[in-house]
Structures are given as structure tokens and as C-alpha cells.
């Protein structure tokens, strides 16, 4: 399955480079 990150994490507390990319996407 596709990997999805919690929206609250990517918007408020990014910890991984993937979080930053998902925020922009």
C-alpha cells in the first residue's frame, strides 16, 4: 500500500525529508 503520513505531522512537526516533500505536494 502507499505510504501516507499524518497531515498534522507534515504540517506542524516534520521530522523526515519525506514530510517536507509531502507538505509541498
PDBML (XML) file of the C-alpha atoms, coordinates in Angstrom:
<?xml version="1.0" encoding="UTF-8" ?>
<PDBx:datablock datablockName="MODEL"
   xmlns:PDBx="http://pdbml.pdb.org/schema/pdbx-v50.xsd"
   xmlns:xsi="http://www.w3.org/2001/XMLSchema-instance"
   xsi:schemaLocation="http://pdbml.pdb.org/schema/pdbx-v50.xsd pdbx-v50.xsd">
   <PDBx:atom_siteCategory>
      <PDBx:atom_site id="1">
         <PDBx:B_iso_or_equiv>0.00</PDBx:B_iso_or_equiv>
         <PDBx:Cartn_x>0.000</PDBx:Cartn_x>
         <PDBx:Cartn_y>0.000</PDBx:Cartn_y>
         <PDBx:Cartn_z>0.000</PDBx:Cartn_z>
         <PDBx:auth_asym_id>A</PDBx:auth_asym_id>
         <PDBx:auth_atom_id>CA</PDBx:auth_atom_id>
         <PDBx:auth_comp_id>UNK</PDBx:auth_comp_id>
         <PDBx:auth_seq_id>1</PDBx:auth_seq_id>
         <PDBx:group_PDB>ATOM</PDBx:group_PDB>
         <PDBx:label_alt_id xsi:nil="true" />
         <PDBx:label_asym_id>A</PDBx:label_asym_id>
         <PDBx:label_atom_id>CA</PDBx:label_atom_id>
         <PDBx:label_comp_id>UNK</PDBx:label_comp_id>
         <PDBx:label_entity_id>1</PDBx:label_entity_id>
         <PDBx:label_seq_id>1</PDBx:label_seq_id>
         <PDBx:occupancy>1.00</PDBx:occupancy>
         <PDBx:pdbx_PDB_model_num>1</PDBx:pdbx_PDB_model_num>
         <PDBx:type_symbol>C</PDBx:type_symbol>
      </PDBx:atom_site>
      <PDBx:atom_site id="2">
         <PDBx:B_iso_or_equiv>0.00</PDBx:B_iso_or_equiv>
         <PDBx:Cartn_x>1.025</PDBx:Cartn_x>
         <PDBx:Cartn_y>3.589</PDBx:Cartn_y>
         <PDBx:Cartn_z>-0.491</PDBx:Cartn_z>
         <PDBx:auth_asym_id>A</PDBx:auth_asym_id>
         <PDBx:auth_atom_id>CA</PDBx:auth_atom_id>
         <PDBx:auth_comp_id>UNK</PDBx:auth_comp_id>
         <PDBx:auth_seq_id>2</PDBx:auth_seq_id>
         <PDBx:group_PDB>ATOM</PDBx:group_PDB>
         <PDBx:label_alt_id xsi:nil="true" />
         <PDBx:label_asym_id>A</PDBx:label_asym_id>
         <PDBx:label_atom_id>CA</PDBx:label_atom_id>
         <PDBx:label_comp_id>UNK</PDBx:label_comp_id>
         <PDBx:label_entity_id>1</PDBx:label_entity_id>
         <PDBx:label_seq_id>2</PDBx:label_seq_id>
         <PDBx:occupancy>1.00</PDBx:occupancy>
         <PDBx:pdbx_PDB_model_num>1</PDBx:pdbx_PDB_model_num>
         <PDBx:type_symbol>C</PDBx:type_symbol>
      </PDBx:atom_site>
      <PDBx:atom_site id="3">
         <PDBx:B_iso_or_equiv>0.00</PDBx:B_iso_or_equiv>
         <PDBx:Cartn_x>2.742</PDBx:Cartn_x>
         <PDBx:Cartn_y>5.204</PDBx:Cartn_y>
         <PDBx:Cartn_z>2.463</PDBx:Cartn_z>
         <PDBx:auth_asym_id>A</PDBx:auth_asym_id>
         <PDBx:auth_atom_id>CA</PDBx:auth_atom_id>
         <PDBx:auth_comp_id>UNK</PDBx:auth_comp_id>
         <PDBx:auth_seq_id>3</PDBx:auth_seq_id>
         <PDBx:group_PDB>ATOM</PDBx:group_PDB>
         <PDBx:label_alt_id xsi:nil="true" />
         <PDBx:label_asym_id>A</PDBx:label_asym_id>
         <PDBx:label_atom_id>CA</PDBx:label_atom_id>
         <PDBx:label_comp_id>UNK</PDBx:label_comp_id>
         <PDBx:label_entity_id>1</PDBx:label_entity_id>
         <PDBx:label_seq_id>3</PDBx:label_seq_id>
         <PDBx:occupancy>1.00</PDBx:occupancy>
         <PDBx:pdbx_PDB_model_num>1</PDBx:pdbx_PDB_model_num>
         <PDBx:type_symbol>C</PDBx:type_symbol>
      </PDBx:atom_site>
      <PDBx:atom_site id="4">
         <PDBx:B_iso_or_equiv>0.00</PDBx:B_iso_or_equiv>
         <PDBx:Cartn_x>0.742</PDBx:Cartn_x>
         <PDBx:Cartn_y>8.135</PDBx:Cartn_y>
         <PDBx:Cartn_z>3.840</PDBx:Cartn_z>
         <PDBx:auth_asym_id>A</PDBx:auth_asym_id>
         <PDBx:auth_atom_id>CA</PDBx:auth_atom_id>
         <PDBx:auth_comp_id>UNK</PDBx:auth_comp_id>
         <PDBx:auth_seq_id>4</PDBx:auth_seq_id>
         <PDBx:group_PDB>ATOM</PDBx:group_PDB>
         <PDBx:label_alt_id xsi:nil="true" />
         <PDBx:label_asym_id>A</PDBx:label_asym_id>
         <PDBx:label_atom_id>CA</PDBx:label_atom_id>
         <PDBx:label_comp_id>UNK</PDBx:label_comp_id>
         <PDBx:label_entity_id>1</PDBx:label_entity_id>
         <PDBx:label_seq_id>4</PDBx:label_seq_id>
         <PDBx:occupancy>1.00</PDBx:occupancy>
         <PDBx:pdbx_PDB_model_num>1</PDBx:pdbx_PDB_model_num>
         <PDBx:type_symbol>C</PDBx:type_symbol>
      </PDBx:atom_site>
      <PDBx:atom_site id="5">
         <PDBx:B_iso_or_equiv>0.00</PDBx:B_iso_or_equiv>
         <PDBx:Cartn_x>1.957</PDBx:Cartn_x>
         <PDBx:Cartn_y>10.460</PDBx:Cartn_y>
         <PDBx:Cartn_z>6.590</PDBx:Cartn_z>
         <PDBx:auth_asym_id>A</PDBx:auth_asym_id>
         <PDBx:auth_atom_id>CA</PDBx:auth_atom_id>
         <PDBx:auth_comp_id>UNK</PDBx:auth_comp_id>
         <PDBx:auth_seq_id>5</PDBx:auth_seq_id>
         <PDBx:group_PDB>ATOM</PDBx:group_PDB>
         <PDBx:label_alt_id xsi:nil="true" />
         <PDBx:label_asym_id>A</PDBx:label_asym_id>
         <PDBx:label_atom_id>CA</PDBx:label_atom_id>
         <PDBx:label_comp_id>UNK</PDBx:label_comp_id>
         <PDBx:label_entity_id>1</PDBx:label_entity_id>
         <PDBx:label_seq_id>5</PDBx:label_seq_id>
         <PDBx:occupancy>1.00</PDBx:occupancy>
         <PDBx:pdbx_PDB_model_num>1</PDBx:pdbx_PDB_model_num>
         <PDBx:type_symbol>C</PDBx:type_symbol>
      </PDBx:atom_site>
      <PDBx:atom_site id="6">
         <PDBx:B_iso_or_equiv>0.00</PDBx:B_iso_or_equiv>
         <PDBx:Cartn_x>-0.396</PDBx:Cartn_x>
         <PDBx:Cartn_y>12.088</PDBx:Cartn_y>
         <PDBx:Cartn_z>9.149</PDBx:Cartn_z>
         <PDBx:auth_asym_id>A</PDBx:auth_asym_id>
         <PDBx:auth_atom_id>CA</PDBx:auth_atom_id>
         <PDBx:auth_comp_id>UNK</PDBx:auth_comp_id>
         <PDBx:auth_seq_id>6</PDBx:auth_seq_id>
         <PDBx:group_PDB>ATOM</PDBx:group_PDB>
         <PDBx:label_alt_id xsi:nil="true" />
         <PDBx:label_asym_id>A</PDBx:label_asym_id>
         <PDBx:label_atom_id>CA</PDBx:label_atom_id>
         <PDBx:label_comp_id>UNK</PDBx:label_comp_id>
         <PDBx:label_entity_id>1</PDBx:label_entity_id>
         <PDBx:label_seq_id>6</PDBx:label_seq_id>
         <PDBx:occupancy>1.00</PDBx:occupancy>
         <PDBx:pdbx_PDB_model_num>1</PDBx:pdbx_PDB_model_num>
         <PDBx:type_symbol>C</PDBx:type_symbol>
      </PDBx:atom_site>
      <PDBx:atom_site id="7">
         <PDBx:B_iso_or_equiv>0.00</PDBx:B_iso_or_equiv>
         <PDBx:Cartn_x>-1.347</PDBx:Cartn_x>
         <PDBx:Cartn_y>15.559</PDBx:Cartn_y>
         <PDBx:Cartn_z>7.978</PDBx:Cartn_z>
         <PDBx:auth_asym_id>A</PDBx:auth_asym_id>
         <PDBx:auth_atom_id>CA</PDBx:auth_atom_id>
         <PDBx:auth_comp_id>UNK</PDBx:auth_comp_id>
         <PDBx:auth_seq_id>7</PDBx:auth_seq_id>
         <PDBx:group_PDB>ATOM</PDBx:group_PDB>
         <PDBx:label_alt_id xsi:nil="true" />
         <PDBx:label_asym_id>A</PDBx:label_asym_id>
         <PDBx:label_atom_id>CA</PDBx:label_atom_id>
         <PDBx:label_comp_id>UNK</PDBx:label_comp_id>
         <PDBx:label_entity_id>1</PDBx:label_entity_id>
         <PDBx:label_seq_id>7</PDBx:label_seq_id>
         <PDBx:occupancy>1.00</PDBx:occupancy>
         <PDBx:pdbx_PDB_model_num>1</PDBx:pdbx_PDB_model_num>
         <PDBx:type_symbol>C</PDBx:type_symbol>
      </PDBx:atom_site>
      <PDBx:atom_site id="8">
         <PDBx:B_iso_or_equiv>0.00</PDBx:B_iso_or_equiv>
         <PDBx:Cartn_x>-0.699</PDBx:Cartn_x>
         <PDBx:Cartn_y>17.036</PDBx:Cartn_y>
         <PDBx:Cartn_z>11.432</PDBx:Cartn_z>
         <PDBx:auth_asym_id>A</PDBx:auth_asym_id>
         <PDBx:auth_atom_id>CA</PDBx:auth_atom_id>
         <PDBx:auth_comp_id>UNK</PDBx:auth_comp_id>
         <PDBx:auth_seq_id>8</PDBx:auth_seq_id>
         <PDBx:group_PDB>ATOM</PDBx:group_PDB>
         <PDBx:label_alt_id xsi:nil="true" />
         <PDBx:label_asym_id>A</PDBx:label_asym_id>
         <PDBx:label_atom_id>CA</PDBx:label_atom_id>
         <PDBx:label_comp_id>UNK</PDBx:label_comp_id>
         <PDBx:label_entity_id>1</PDBx:label_entity_id>
         <PDBx:label_seq_id>8</PDBx:label_seq_id>
         <PDBx:occupancy>1.00</PDBx:occupancy>
         <PDBx:pdbx_PDB_model_num>1</PDBx:pdbx_PDB_model_num>
         <PDBx:type_symbol>C</PDBx:type_symbol>
      </PDBx:atom_site>
      <PDBx:atom_site id="9">
         <PDBx:B_iso_or_equiv>0.00</PDBx:B_iso_or_equiv>
         <PDBx:Cartn_x>2.879</PDBx:Cartn_x>
         <PDBx:Cartn_y>15.744</PDBx:Cartn_y>
         <PDBx:Cartn_z>11.298</PDBx:Cartn_z>
         <PDBx:auth_asym_id>A</PDBx:auth_asym_id>
         <PDBx:auth_atom_id>CA</PDBx:auth_atom_id>
         <PDBx:auth_comp_id>UNK</PDBx:auth_comp_id>
         <PDBx:auth_seq_id>9</PDBx:auth_seq_id>
         <PDBx:group_PDB>ATOM</PDBx:group_PDB>
         <PDBx:label_alt_id xsi:nil="true" />
         <PDBx:label_asym_id>A</PDBx:label_asym_id>
         <PDBx:label_atom_id>CA</PDBx:label_atom_id>
         <PDBx:label_comp_id>UNK</PDBx:label_comp_id>
         <PDBx:label_entity_id>1</PDBx:label_entity_id>
         <PDBx:label_seq_id>9</PDBx:label_seq_id>
         <PDBx:occupancy>1.00</PDBx:occupancy>
         <PDBx:pdbx_PDB_model_num>1</PDBx:pdbx_PDB_model_num>
         <PDBx:type_symbol>C</PDBx:type_symbol>
      </PDBx:atom_site>
      <PDBx:atom_site id="10">
         <PDBx:B_iso_or_equiv>0.00</PDBx:B_iso_or_equiv>
         <PDBx:Cartn_x>3.776</PDBx:Cartn_x>
         <PDBx:Cartn_y>17.083</PDBx:Cartn_y>
         <PDBx:Cartn_z>7.873</PDBx:Cartn_z>
         <PDBx:auth_asym_id>A</PDBx:auth_asym_id>
         <PDBx:auth_atom_id>CA</PDBx:auth_atom_id>
         <PDBx:auth_comp_id>UNK</PDBx:auth_comp_id>
         <PDBx:auth_seq_id>10</PDBx:auth_seq_id>
         <PDBx:group_PDB>ATOM</PDBx:group_PDB>
         <PDBx:label_alt_id xsi:nil="true" />
         <PDBx:label_asym_id>A</PDBx:label_asym_id>
         <PDBx:label_atom_id>CA</PDBx:label_atom_id>
         <PDBx:label_comp_id>UNK</PDBx:label_comp_id>
         <PDBx:label_entity_id>1</PDBx:label_entity_id>
         <PDBx:label_seq_id>10</PDBx:label_seq_id>
         <PDBx:occupancy>1.00</PDBx:occupancy>
         <PDBx:pdbx_PDB_model_num>1</PDBx:pdbx_PDB_model_num>
         <PDBx:type_symbol>C</PDBx:type_symbol>
      </PDBx:atom_site>
      <PDBx:atom_site id="11">
         <PDBx:B_iso_or_equiv>0.00</PDBx:B_iso_or_equiv>
         <PDBx:Cartn_x>2.133</PDBx:Cartn_x>
         <PDBx:Cartn_y>20.454</PDBx:Cartn_y>
         <PDBx:Cartn_z>8.632</PDBx:Cartn_z>
         <PDBx:auth_asym_id>A</PDBx:auth_asym_id>
         <PDBx:auth_atom_id>CA</PDBx:auth_atom_id>
         <PDBx:auth_comp_id>UNK</PDBx:auth_comp_id>
         <PDBx:auth_seq_id>11</PDBx:auth_seq_id>
         <PDBx:group_PDB>ATOM</PDBx:group_PDB>
         <PDBx:label_alt_id xsi:nil="true" />
         <PDBx:label_asym_id>A</PDBx:label_asym_id>
         <PDBx:label_atom_id>CA</PDBx:label_atom_id>
         <PDBx:label_comp_id>UNK</PDBx:label_comp_id>
         <PDBx:label_entity_id>1</PDBx:label_entity_id>
         <PDBx:label_seq_id>11</PDBx:label_seq_id>
         <PDBx:occupancy>1.00</PDBx:occupancy>
         <PDBx:pdbx_PDB_model_num>1</PDBx:pdbx_PDB_model_num>
         <PDBx:type_symbol>C</PDBx:type_symbol>
      </PDBx:atom_site>
      <PDBx:atom_site id="12">
         <PDBx:B_iso_or_equiv>0.00</PDBx:B_iso_or_equiv>
         <PDBx:Cartn_x>3.363</PDBx:Cartn_x>
         <PDBx:Cartn_y>21.076</PDBx:Cartn_y>
         <PDBx:Cartn_z>12.194</PDBx:Cartn_z>
         <PDBx:auth_asym_id>A</PDBx:auth_asym_id>
         <PDBx:auth_atom_id>CA</PDBx:auth_atom_id>
         <PDBx:auth_comp_id>UNK</PDBx:auth_comp_id>
         <PDBx:auth_seq_id>12</PDBx:auth_seq_id>
         <PDBx:group_PDB>ATOM</PDBx:group_PDB>
         <PDBx:label_alt_id xsi:nil="true" />
         <PDBx:label_asym_id>A</PDBx:label_asym_id>
         <PDBx:label_atom_id>CA</PDBx:label_atom_id>
         <PDBx:label_comp_id>UNK</PDBx:label_comp_id>
         <PDBx:label_entity_id>1</PDBx:label_entity_id>
         <PDBx:label_seq_id>12</PDBx:label_seq_id>
         <PDBx:occupancy>1.00</PDBx:occupancy>
         <PDBx:pdbx_PDB_model_num>1</PDBx:pdbx_PDB_model_num>
         <PDBx:type_symbol>C</PDBx:type_symbol>
      </PDBx:atom_site>
      <PDBx:atom_site id="13">
         <PDBx:B_iso_or_equiv>0.00</PDBx:B_iso_or_equiv>
         <PDBx:Cartn_x>6.192</PDBx:Cartn_x>
         <PDBx:Cartn_y>18.766</PDBx:Cartn_y>
         <PDBx:Cartn_z>13.264</PDBx:Cartn_z>
         <PDBx:auth_asym_id>A</PDBx:auth_asym_id>
         <PDBx:auth_atom_id>CA</PDBx:auth_atom_id>
         <PDBx:auth_comp_id>UNK</PDBx:auth_comp_id>
         <PDBx:auth_seq_id>13</PDBx:auth_seq_id>
         <PDBx:group_PDB>ATOM</PDBx:group_PDB>
         <PDBx:label_alt_id xsi:nil="true" />
         <PDBx:label_asym_id>A</PDBx:label_asym_id>
         <PDBx:label_atom_id>CA</PDBx:label_atom_id>
         <PDBx:label_comp_id>UNK</PDBx:label_comp_id>
         <PDBx:label_entity_id>1</PDBx:label_entity_id>
         <PDBx:label_seq_id>13</PDBx:label_seq_id>
         <PDBx:occupancy>1.00</PDBx:occupancy>
         <PDBx:pdbx_PDB_model_num>1</PDBx:pdbx_PDB_model_num>
         <PDBx:type_symbol>C</PDBx:type_symbol>
      </PDBx:atom_site>
      <PDBx:atom_site id="14">
         <PDBx:B_iso_or_equiv>0.00</PDBx:B_iso_or_equiv>
         <PDBx:Cartn_x>8.090</PDBx:Cartn_x>
         <PDBx:Cartn_y>17.449</PDBx:Cartn_y>
         <PDBx:Cartn_z>10.211</PDBx:Cartn_z>
         <PDBx:auth_asym_id>A</PDBx:auth_asym_id>
         <PDBx:auth_atom_id>CA</PDBx:auth_atom_id>
         <PDBx:auth_comp_id>UNK</PDBx:auth_comp_id>
         <PDBx:auth_seq_id>14</PDBx:auth_seq_id>
         <PDBx:group_PDB>ATOM</PDBx:group_PDB>
         <PDBx:label_alt_id xsi:nil="true" />
         <PDBx:label_asym_id>A</PDBx:label_asym_id>
         <PDBx:label_atom_id>CA</PDBx:label_atom_id>
         <PDBx:label_comp_id>UNK</PDBx:label_comp_id>
         <PDBx:label_entity_id>1</PDBx:label_entity_id>
         <PDBx:label_seq_id>14</PDBx:label_seq_id>
         <PDBx:occupancy>1.00</PDBx:occupancy>
         <PDBx:pdbx_PDB_model_num>1</PDBx:pdbx_PDB_model_num>
         <PDBx:type_symbol>C</PDBx:type_symbol>
      </PDBx:atom_site>
      <PDBx:atom_site id="15">
         <PDBx:B_iso_or_equiv>0.00</PDBx:B_iso_or_equiv>
         <PDBx:Cartn_x>10.968</PDBx:Cartn_x>
         <PDBx:Cartn_y>15.152</PDBx:Cartn_y>
         <PDBx:Cartn_z>11.119</PDBx:Cartn_z>
         <PDBx:auth_asym_id>A</PDBx:auth_asym_id>
         <PDBx:auth_atom_id>CA</PDBx:auth_atom_id>
         <PDBx:auth_comp_id>UNK</PDBx:auth_comp_id>
         <PDBx:auth_seq_id>15</PDBx:auth_seq_id>
         <PDBx:group_PDB>ATOM</PDBx:group_PDB>
         <PDBx:label_alt_id xsi:nil="true" />
         <PDBx:label_asym_id>A</PDBx:label_asym_id>
         <PDBx:label_atom_id>CA</PDBx:label_atom_id>
         <PDBx:label_comp_id>UNK</PDBx:label_comp_id>
         <PDBx:label_entity_id>1</PDBx:label_entity_id>
         <PDBx:label_seq_id>15</PDBx:label_seq_id>
         <PDBx:occupancy>1.00</PDBx:occupancy>
         <PDBx:pdbx_PDB_model_num>1</PDBx:pdbx_PDB_model_num>
         <PDBx:type_symbol>C</PDBx:type_symbol>
      </PDBx:atom_site>
      <PDBx:atom_site id="16">
         <PDBx:B_iso_or_equiv>0.00</PDBx:B_iso_or_equiv>
         <PDBx:Cartn_x>11.868</PDBx:Cartn_x>
         <PDBx:Cartn_y>13.469</PDBx:Cartn_y>
         <PDBx:Cartn_z>7.827</PDBx:Cartn_z>
         <PDBx:auth_asym_id>A</PDBx:auth_asym_id>
         <PDBx:auth_atom_id>CA</PDBx:auth_atom_id>
         <PDBx:auth_comp_id>UNK</PDBx:auth_comp_id>
         <PDBx:auth_seq_id>16</PDBx:auth_seq_id>
         <PDBx:group_PDB>ATOM</PDBx:group_PDB>
         <PDBx:label_alt_id xsi:nil="true" />
         <PDBx:label_asym_id>A</PDBx:label_asym_id>
         <PDBx:label_atom_id>CA</PDBx:label_atom_id>
         <PDBx:label_comp_id>UNK</PDBx:label_comp_id>
         <PDBx:label_entity_id>1</PDBx:label_entity_id>
         <PDBx:label_seq_id>16</PDBx:label_seq_id>
         <PDBx:occupancy>1.00</PDBx:occupancy>
         <PDBx:pdbx_PDB_model_num>1</PDBx:pdbx_PDB_model_num>
         <PDBx:type_symbol>C</PDBx:type_symbol>
      </PDBx:atom_site>
      <PDBx:atom_site id="17">
         <PDBx:B_iso_or_equiv>0.00</PDBx:B_iso_or_equiv>
         <PDBx:Cartn_x>12.709</PDBx:Cartn_x>
         <PDBx:Cartn_y>14.786</PDBx:Cartn_y>
         <PDBx:Cartn_z>4.353</PDBx:Cartn_z>
         <PDBx:auth_asym_id>A</PDBx:auth_asym_id>
         <PDBx:auth_atom_id>CA</PDBx:auth_atom_id>
         <PDBx:auth_comp_id>UNK</PDBx:auth_comp_id>
         <PDBx:auth_seq_id>17</PDBx:auth_seq_id>
         <PDBx:group_PDB>ATOM</PDBx:group_PDB>
         <PDBx:label_alt_id xsi:nil="true" />
         <PDBx:label_asym_id>A</PDBx:label_asym_id>
         <PDBx:label_atom_id>CA</PDBx:label_atom_id>
         <PDBx:label_comp_id>UNK</PDBx:label_comp_id>
         <PDBx:label_entity_id>1</PDBx:label_entity_id>
         <PDBx:label_seq_id>17</PDBx:label_seq_id>
         <PDBx:occupancy>1.00</PDBx:occupancy>
         <PDBx:pdbx_PDB_model_num>1</PDBx:pdbx_PDB_model_num>
         <PDBx:type_symbol>C</PDBx:type_symbol>
      </PDBx:atom_site>
      <PDBx:atom_site id="18">
         <PDBx:B_iso_or_equiv>0.00</PDBx:B_iso_or_equiv>
         <PDBx:Cartn_x>9.627</PDBx:Cartn_x>
         <PDBx:Cartn_y>12.888</PDBx:Cartn_y>
         <PDBx:Cartn_z>3.156</PDBx:Cartn_z>
         <PDBx:auth_asym_id>A</PDBx:auth_asym_id>
         <PDBx:auth_atom_id>CA</PDBx:auth_atom_id>
         <PDBx:auth_comp_id>UNK</PDBx:auth_comp_id>
         <PDBx:auth_seq_id>18</PDBx:auth_seq_id>
         <PDBx:group_PDB>ATOM</PDBx:group_PDB>
         <PDBx:label_alt_id xsi:nil="true" />
         <PDBx:label_asym_id>A</PDBx:label_asym_id>
         <PDBx:label_atom_id>CA</PDBx:label_atom_id>
         <PDBx:label_comp_id>UNK</PDBx:label_comp_id>
         <PDBx:label_entity_id>1</PDBx:label_entity_id>
         <PDBx:label_seq_id>18</PDBx:label_seq_id>
         <PDBx:occupancy>1.00</PDBx:occupancy>
         <PDBx:pdbx_PDB_model_num>1</PDBx:pdbx_PDB_model_num>
         <PDBx:type_symbol>C</PDBx:type_symbol>
      </PDBx:atom_site>
      <PDBx:atom_site id="19">
         <PDBx:B_iso_or_equiv>0.00</PDBx:B_iso_or_equiv>
         <PDBx:Cartn_x>7.487</PDBx:Cartn_x>
         <PDBx:Cartn_y>15.012</PDBx:Cartn_y>
         <PDBx:Cartn_z>5.492</PDBx:Cartn_z>
         <PDBx:auth_asym_id>A</PDBx:auth_asym_id>
         <PDBx:auth_atom_id>CA</PDBx:auth_atom_id>
         <PDBx:auth_comp_id>UNK</PDBx:auth_comp_id>
         <PDBx:auth_seq_id>19</PDBx:auth_seq_id>
         <PDBx:group_PDB>ATOM</PDBx:group_PDB>
         <PDBx:label_alt_id xsi:nil="true" />
         <PDBx:label_asym_id>A</PDBx:label_asym_id>
         <PDBx:label_atom_id>CA</PDBx:label_atom_id>
         <PDBx:label_comp_id>UNK</PDBx:label_comp_id>
         <PDBx:label_entity_id>1</PDBx:label_entity_id>
         <PDBx:label_seq_id>19</PDBx:label_seq_id>
         <PDBx:occupancy>1.00</PDBx:occupancy>
         <PDBx:pdbx_PDB_model_num>1</PDBx:pdbx_PDB_model_num>
         <PDBx:type_symbol>C</PDBx:type_symbol>
      </PDBx:atom_site>
      <PDBx:atom_site id="20">
         <PDBx:B_iso_or_equiv>0.00</PDBx:B_iso_or_equiv>
         <PDBx:Cartn_x>8.758</PDBx:Cartn_x>
         <PDBx:Cartn_y>18.178</PDBx:Cartn_y>
         <PDBx:Cartn_z>3.797</PDBx:Cartn_z>
         <PDBx:auth_asym_id>A</PDBx:auth_asym_id>
         <PDBx:auth_atom_id>CA</PDBx:auth_atom_id>
         <PDBx:auth_comp_id>UNK</PDBx:auth_comp_id>
         <PDBx:auth_seq_id>20</PDBx:auth_seq_id>
         <PDBx:group_PDB>ATOM</PDBx:group_PDB>
         <PDBx:label_alt_id xsi:nil="true" />
         <PDBx:label_asym_id>A</PDBx:label_asym_id>
         <PDBx:label_atom_id>CA</PDBx:label_atom_id>
         <PDBx:label_comp_id>UNK</PDBx:label_comp_id>
         <PDBx:label_entity_id>1</PDBx:label_entity_id>
         <PDBx:label_seq_id>20</PDBx:label_seq_id>
         <PDBx:occupancy>1.00</PDBx:occupancy>
         <PDBx:pdbx_PDB_model_num>1</PDBx:pdbx_PDB_model_num>
         <PDBx:type_symbol>C</PDBx:type_symbol>
      </PDBx:atom_site>
      <PDBx:atom_site id="21">
         <PDBx:B_iso_or_equiv>0.00</PDBx:B_iso_or_equiv>
         <PDBx:Cartn_x>8.068</PDBx:Cartn_x>
         <PDBx:Cartn_y>16.799</PDBx:Cartn_y>
         <PDBx:Cartn_z>0.334</PDBx:Cartn_z>
         <PDBx:auth_asym_id>A</PDBx:auth_asym_id>
         <PDBx:auth_atom_id>CA</PDBx:auth_atom_id>
         <PDBx:auth_comp_id>UNK</PDBx:auth_comp_id>
         <PDBx:auth_seq_id>21</PDBx:auth_seq_id>
         <PDBx:group_PDB>ATOM</PDBx:group_PDB>
         <PDBx:label_alt_id xsi:nil="true" />
         <PDBx:label_asym_id>A</PDBx:label_asym_id>
         <PDBx:label_atom_id>CA</PDBx:label_atom_id>
         <PDBx:label_comp_id>UNK</PDBx:label_comp_id>
         <PDBx:label_entity_id>1</PDBx:label_entity_id>
         <PDBx:label_seq_id>21</PDBx:label_seq_id>
         <PDBx:occupancy>1.00</PDBx:occupancy>
         <PDBx:pdbx_PDB_model_num>1</PDBx:pdbx_PDB_model_num>
         <PDBx:type_symbol>C</PDBx:type_symbol>
      </PDBx:atom_site>
      <PDBx:atom_site id="22">
         <PDBx:B_iso_or_equiv>0.00</PDBx:B_iso_or_equiv>
         <PDBx:Cartn_x>4.556</PDBx:Cartn_x>
         <PDBx:Cartn_y>15.703</PDBx:Cartn_y>
         <PDBx:Cartn_z>1.297</PDBx:Cartn_z>
         <PDBx:auth_asym_id>A</PDBx:auth_asym_id>
         <PDBx:auth_atom_id>CA</PDBx:auth_atom_id>
         <PDBx:auth_comp_id>UNK</PDBx:auth_comp_id>
         <PDBx:auth_seq_id>22</PDBx:auth_seq_id>
         <PDBx:group_PDB>ATOM</PDBx:group_PDB>
         <PDBx:label_alt_id xsi:nil="true" />
         <PDBx:label_asym_id>A</PDBx:label_asym_id>
         <PDBx:label_atom_id>CA</PDBx:label_atom_id>
         <PDBx:label_comp_id>UNK</PDBx:label_comp_id>
         <PDBx:label_entity_id>1</PDBx:label_entity_id>
         <PDBx:label_seq_id>22</PDBx:label_seq_id>
         <PDBx:occupancy>1.00</PDBx:occupancy>
         <PDBx:pdbx_PDB_model_num>1</PDBx:pdbx_PDB_model_num>
         <PDBx:type_symbol>C</PDBx:type_symbol>
      </PDBx:atom_site>
      <PDBx:atom_site id="23">
         <PDBx:B_iso_or_equiv>0.00</PDBx:B_iso_or_equiv>
         <PDBx:Cartn_x>3.850</PDBx:Cartn_x>
         <PDBx:Cartn_y>19.161</PDBx:Cartn_y>
         <PDBx:Cartn_z>2.746</PDBx:Cartn_z>
         <PDBx:auth_asym_id>A</PDBx:auth_asym_id>
         <PDBx:auth_atom_id>CA</PDBx:auth_atom_id>
         <PDBx:auth_comp_id>UNK</PDBx:auth_comp_id>
         <PDBx:auth_seq_id>23</PDBx:auth_seq_id>
         <PDBx:group_PDB>ATOM</PDBx:group_PDB>
         <PDBx:label_alt_id xsi:nil="true" />
         <PDBx:label_asym_id>A</PDBx:label_asym_id>
         <PDBx:label_atom_id>CA</PDBx:label_atom_id>
         <PDBx:label_comp_id>UNK</PDBx:label_comp_id>
         <PDBx:label_entity_id>1</PDBx:label_entity_id>
         <PDBx:label_seq_id>23</PDBx:label_seq_id>
         <PDBx:occupancy>1.00</PDBx:occupancy>
         <PDBx:pdbx_PDB_model_num>1</PDBx:pdbx_PDB_model_num>
         <PDBx:type_symbol>C</PDBx:type_symbol>
      </PDBx:atom_site>
      <PDBx:atom_site id="24">
         <PDBx:B_iso_or_equiv>0.00</PDBx:B_iso_or_equiv>
         <PDBx:Cartn_x>4.694</PDBx:Cartn_x>
         <PDBx:Cartn_y>20.778</PDBx:Cartn_y>
         <PDBx:Cartn_z>-0.577</PDBx:Cartn_z>
         <PDBx:auth_asym_id>A</PDBx:auth_asym_id>
         <PDBx:auth_atom_id>CA</PDBx:auth_atom_id>
         <PDBx:auth_comp_id>UNK</PDBx:auth_comp_id>
         <PDBx:auth_seq_id>24</PDBx:auth_seq_id>
         <PDBx:group_PDB>ATOM</PDBx:group_PDB>
         <PDBx:label_alt_id xsi:nil="true" />
         <PDBx:label_asym_id>A</PDBx:label_asym_id>
         <PDBx:label_atom_id>CA</PDBx:label_atom_id>
         <PDBx:label_comp_id>UNK</PDBx:label_comp_id>
         <PDBx:label_entity_id>1</PDBx:label_entity_id>
         <PDBx:label_seq_id>24</PDBx:label_seq_id>
         <PDBx:occupancy>1.00</PDBx:occupancy>
         <PDBx:pdbx_PDB_model_num>1</PDBx:pdbx_PDB_model_num>
         <PDBx:type_symbol>C</PDBx:type_symbol>
      </PDBx:atom_site>
      <PDBx:atom_site id="25">
         <PDBx:B_iso_or_equiv>0.00</PDBx:B_iso_or_equiv>
         <PDBx:Cartn_x>2.805</PDBx:Cartn_x>
         <PDBx:Cartn_y>18.120</PDBx:Cartn_y>
         <PDBx:Cartn_z>-2.546</PDBx:Cartn_z>
         <PDBx:auth_asym_id>A</PDBx:auth_asym_id>
         <PDBx:auth_atom_id>CA</PDBx:auth_atom_id>
         <PDBx:auth_comp_id>UNK</PDBx:auth_comp_id>
         <PDBx:auth_seq_id>25</PDBx:auth_seq_id>
         <PDBx:group_PDB>ATOM</PDBx:group_PDB>
         <PDBx:label_alt_id xsi:nil="true" />
         <PDBx:label_asym_id>A</PDBx:label_asym_id>
         <PDBx:label_atom_id>CA</PDBx:label_atom_id>
         <PDBx:label_comp_id>UNK</PDBx:label_comp_id>
         <PDBx:label_entity_id>1</PDBx:label_entity_id>
         <PDBx:label_seq_id>25</PDBx:label_seq_id>
         <PDBx:occupancy>1.00</PDBx:occupancy>
         <PDBx:pdbx_PDB_model_num>1</PDBx:pdbx_PDB_model_num>
         <PDBx:type_symbol>C</PDBx:type_symbol>
      </PDBx:atom_site>
   </PDBx:atom_siteCategory>
</PDBx:datablock>
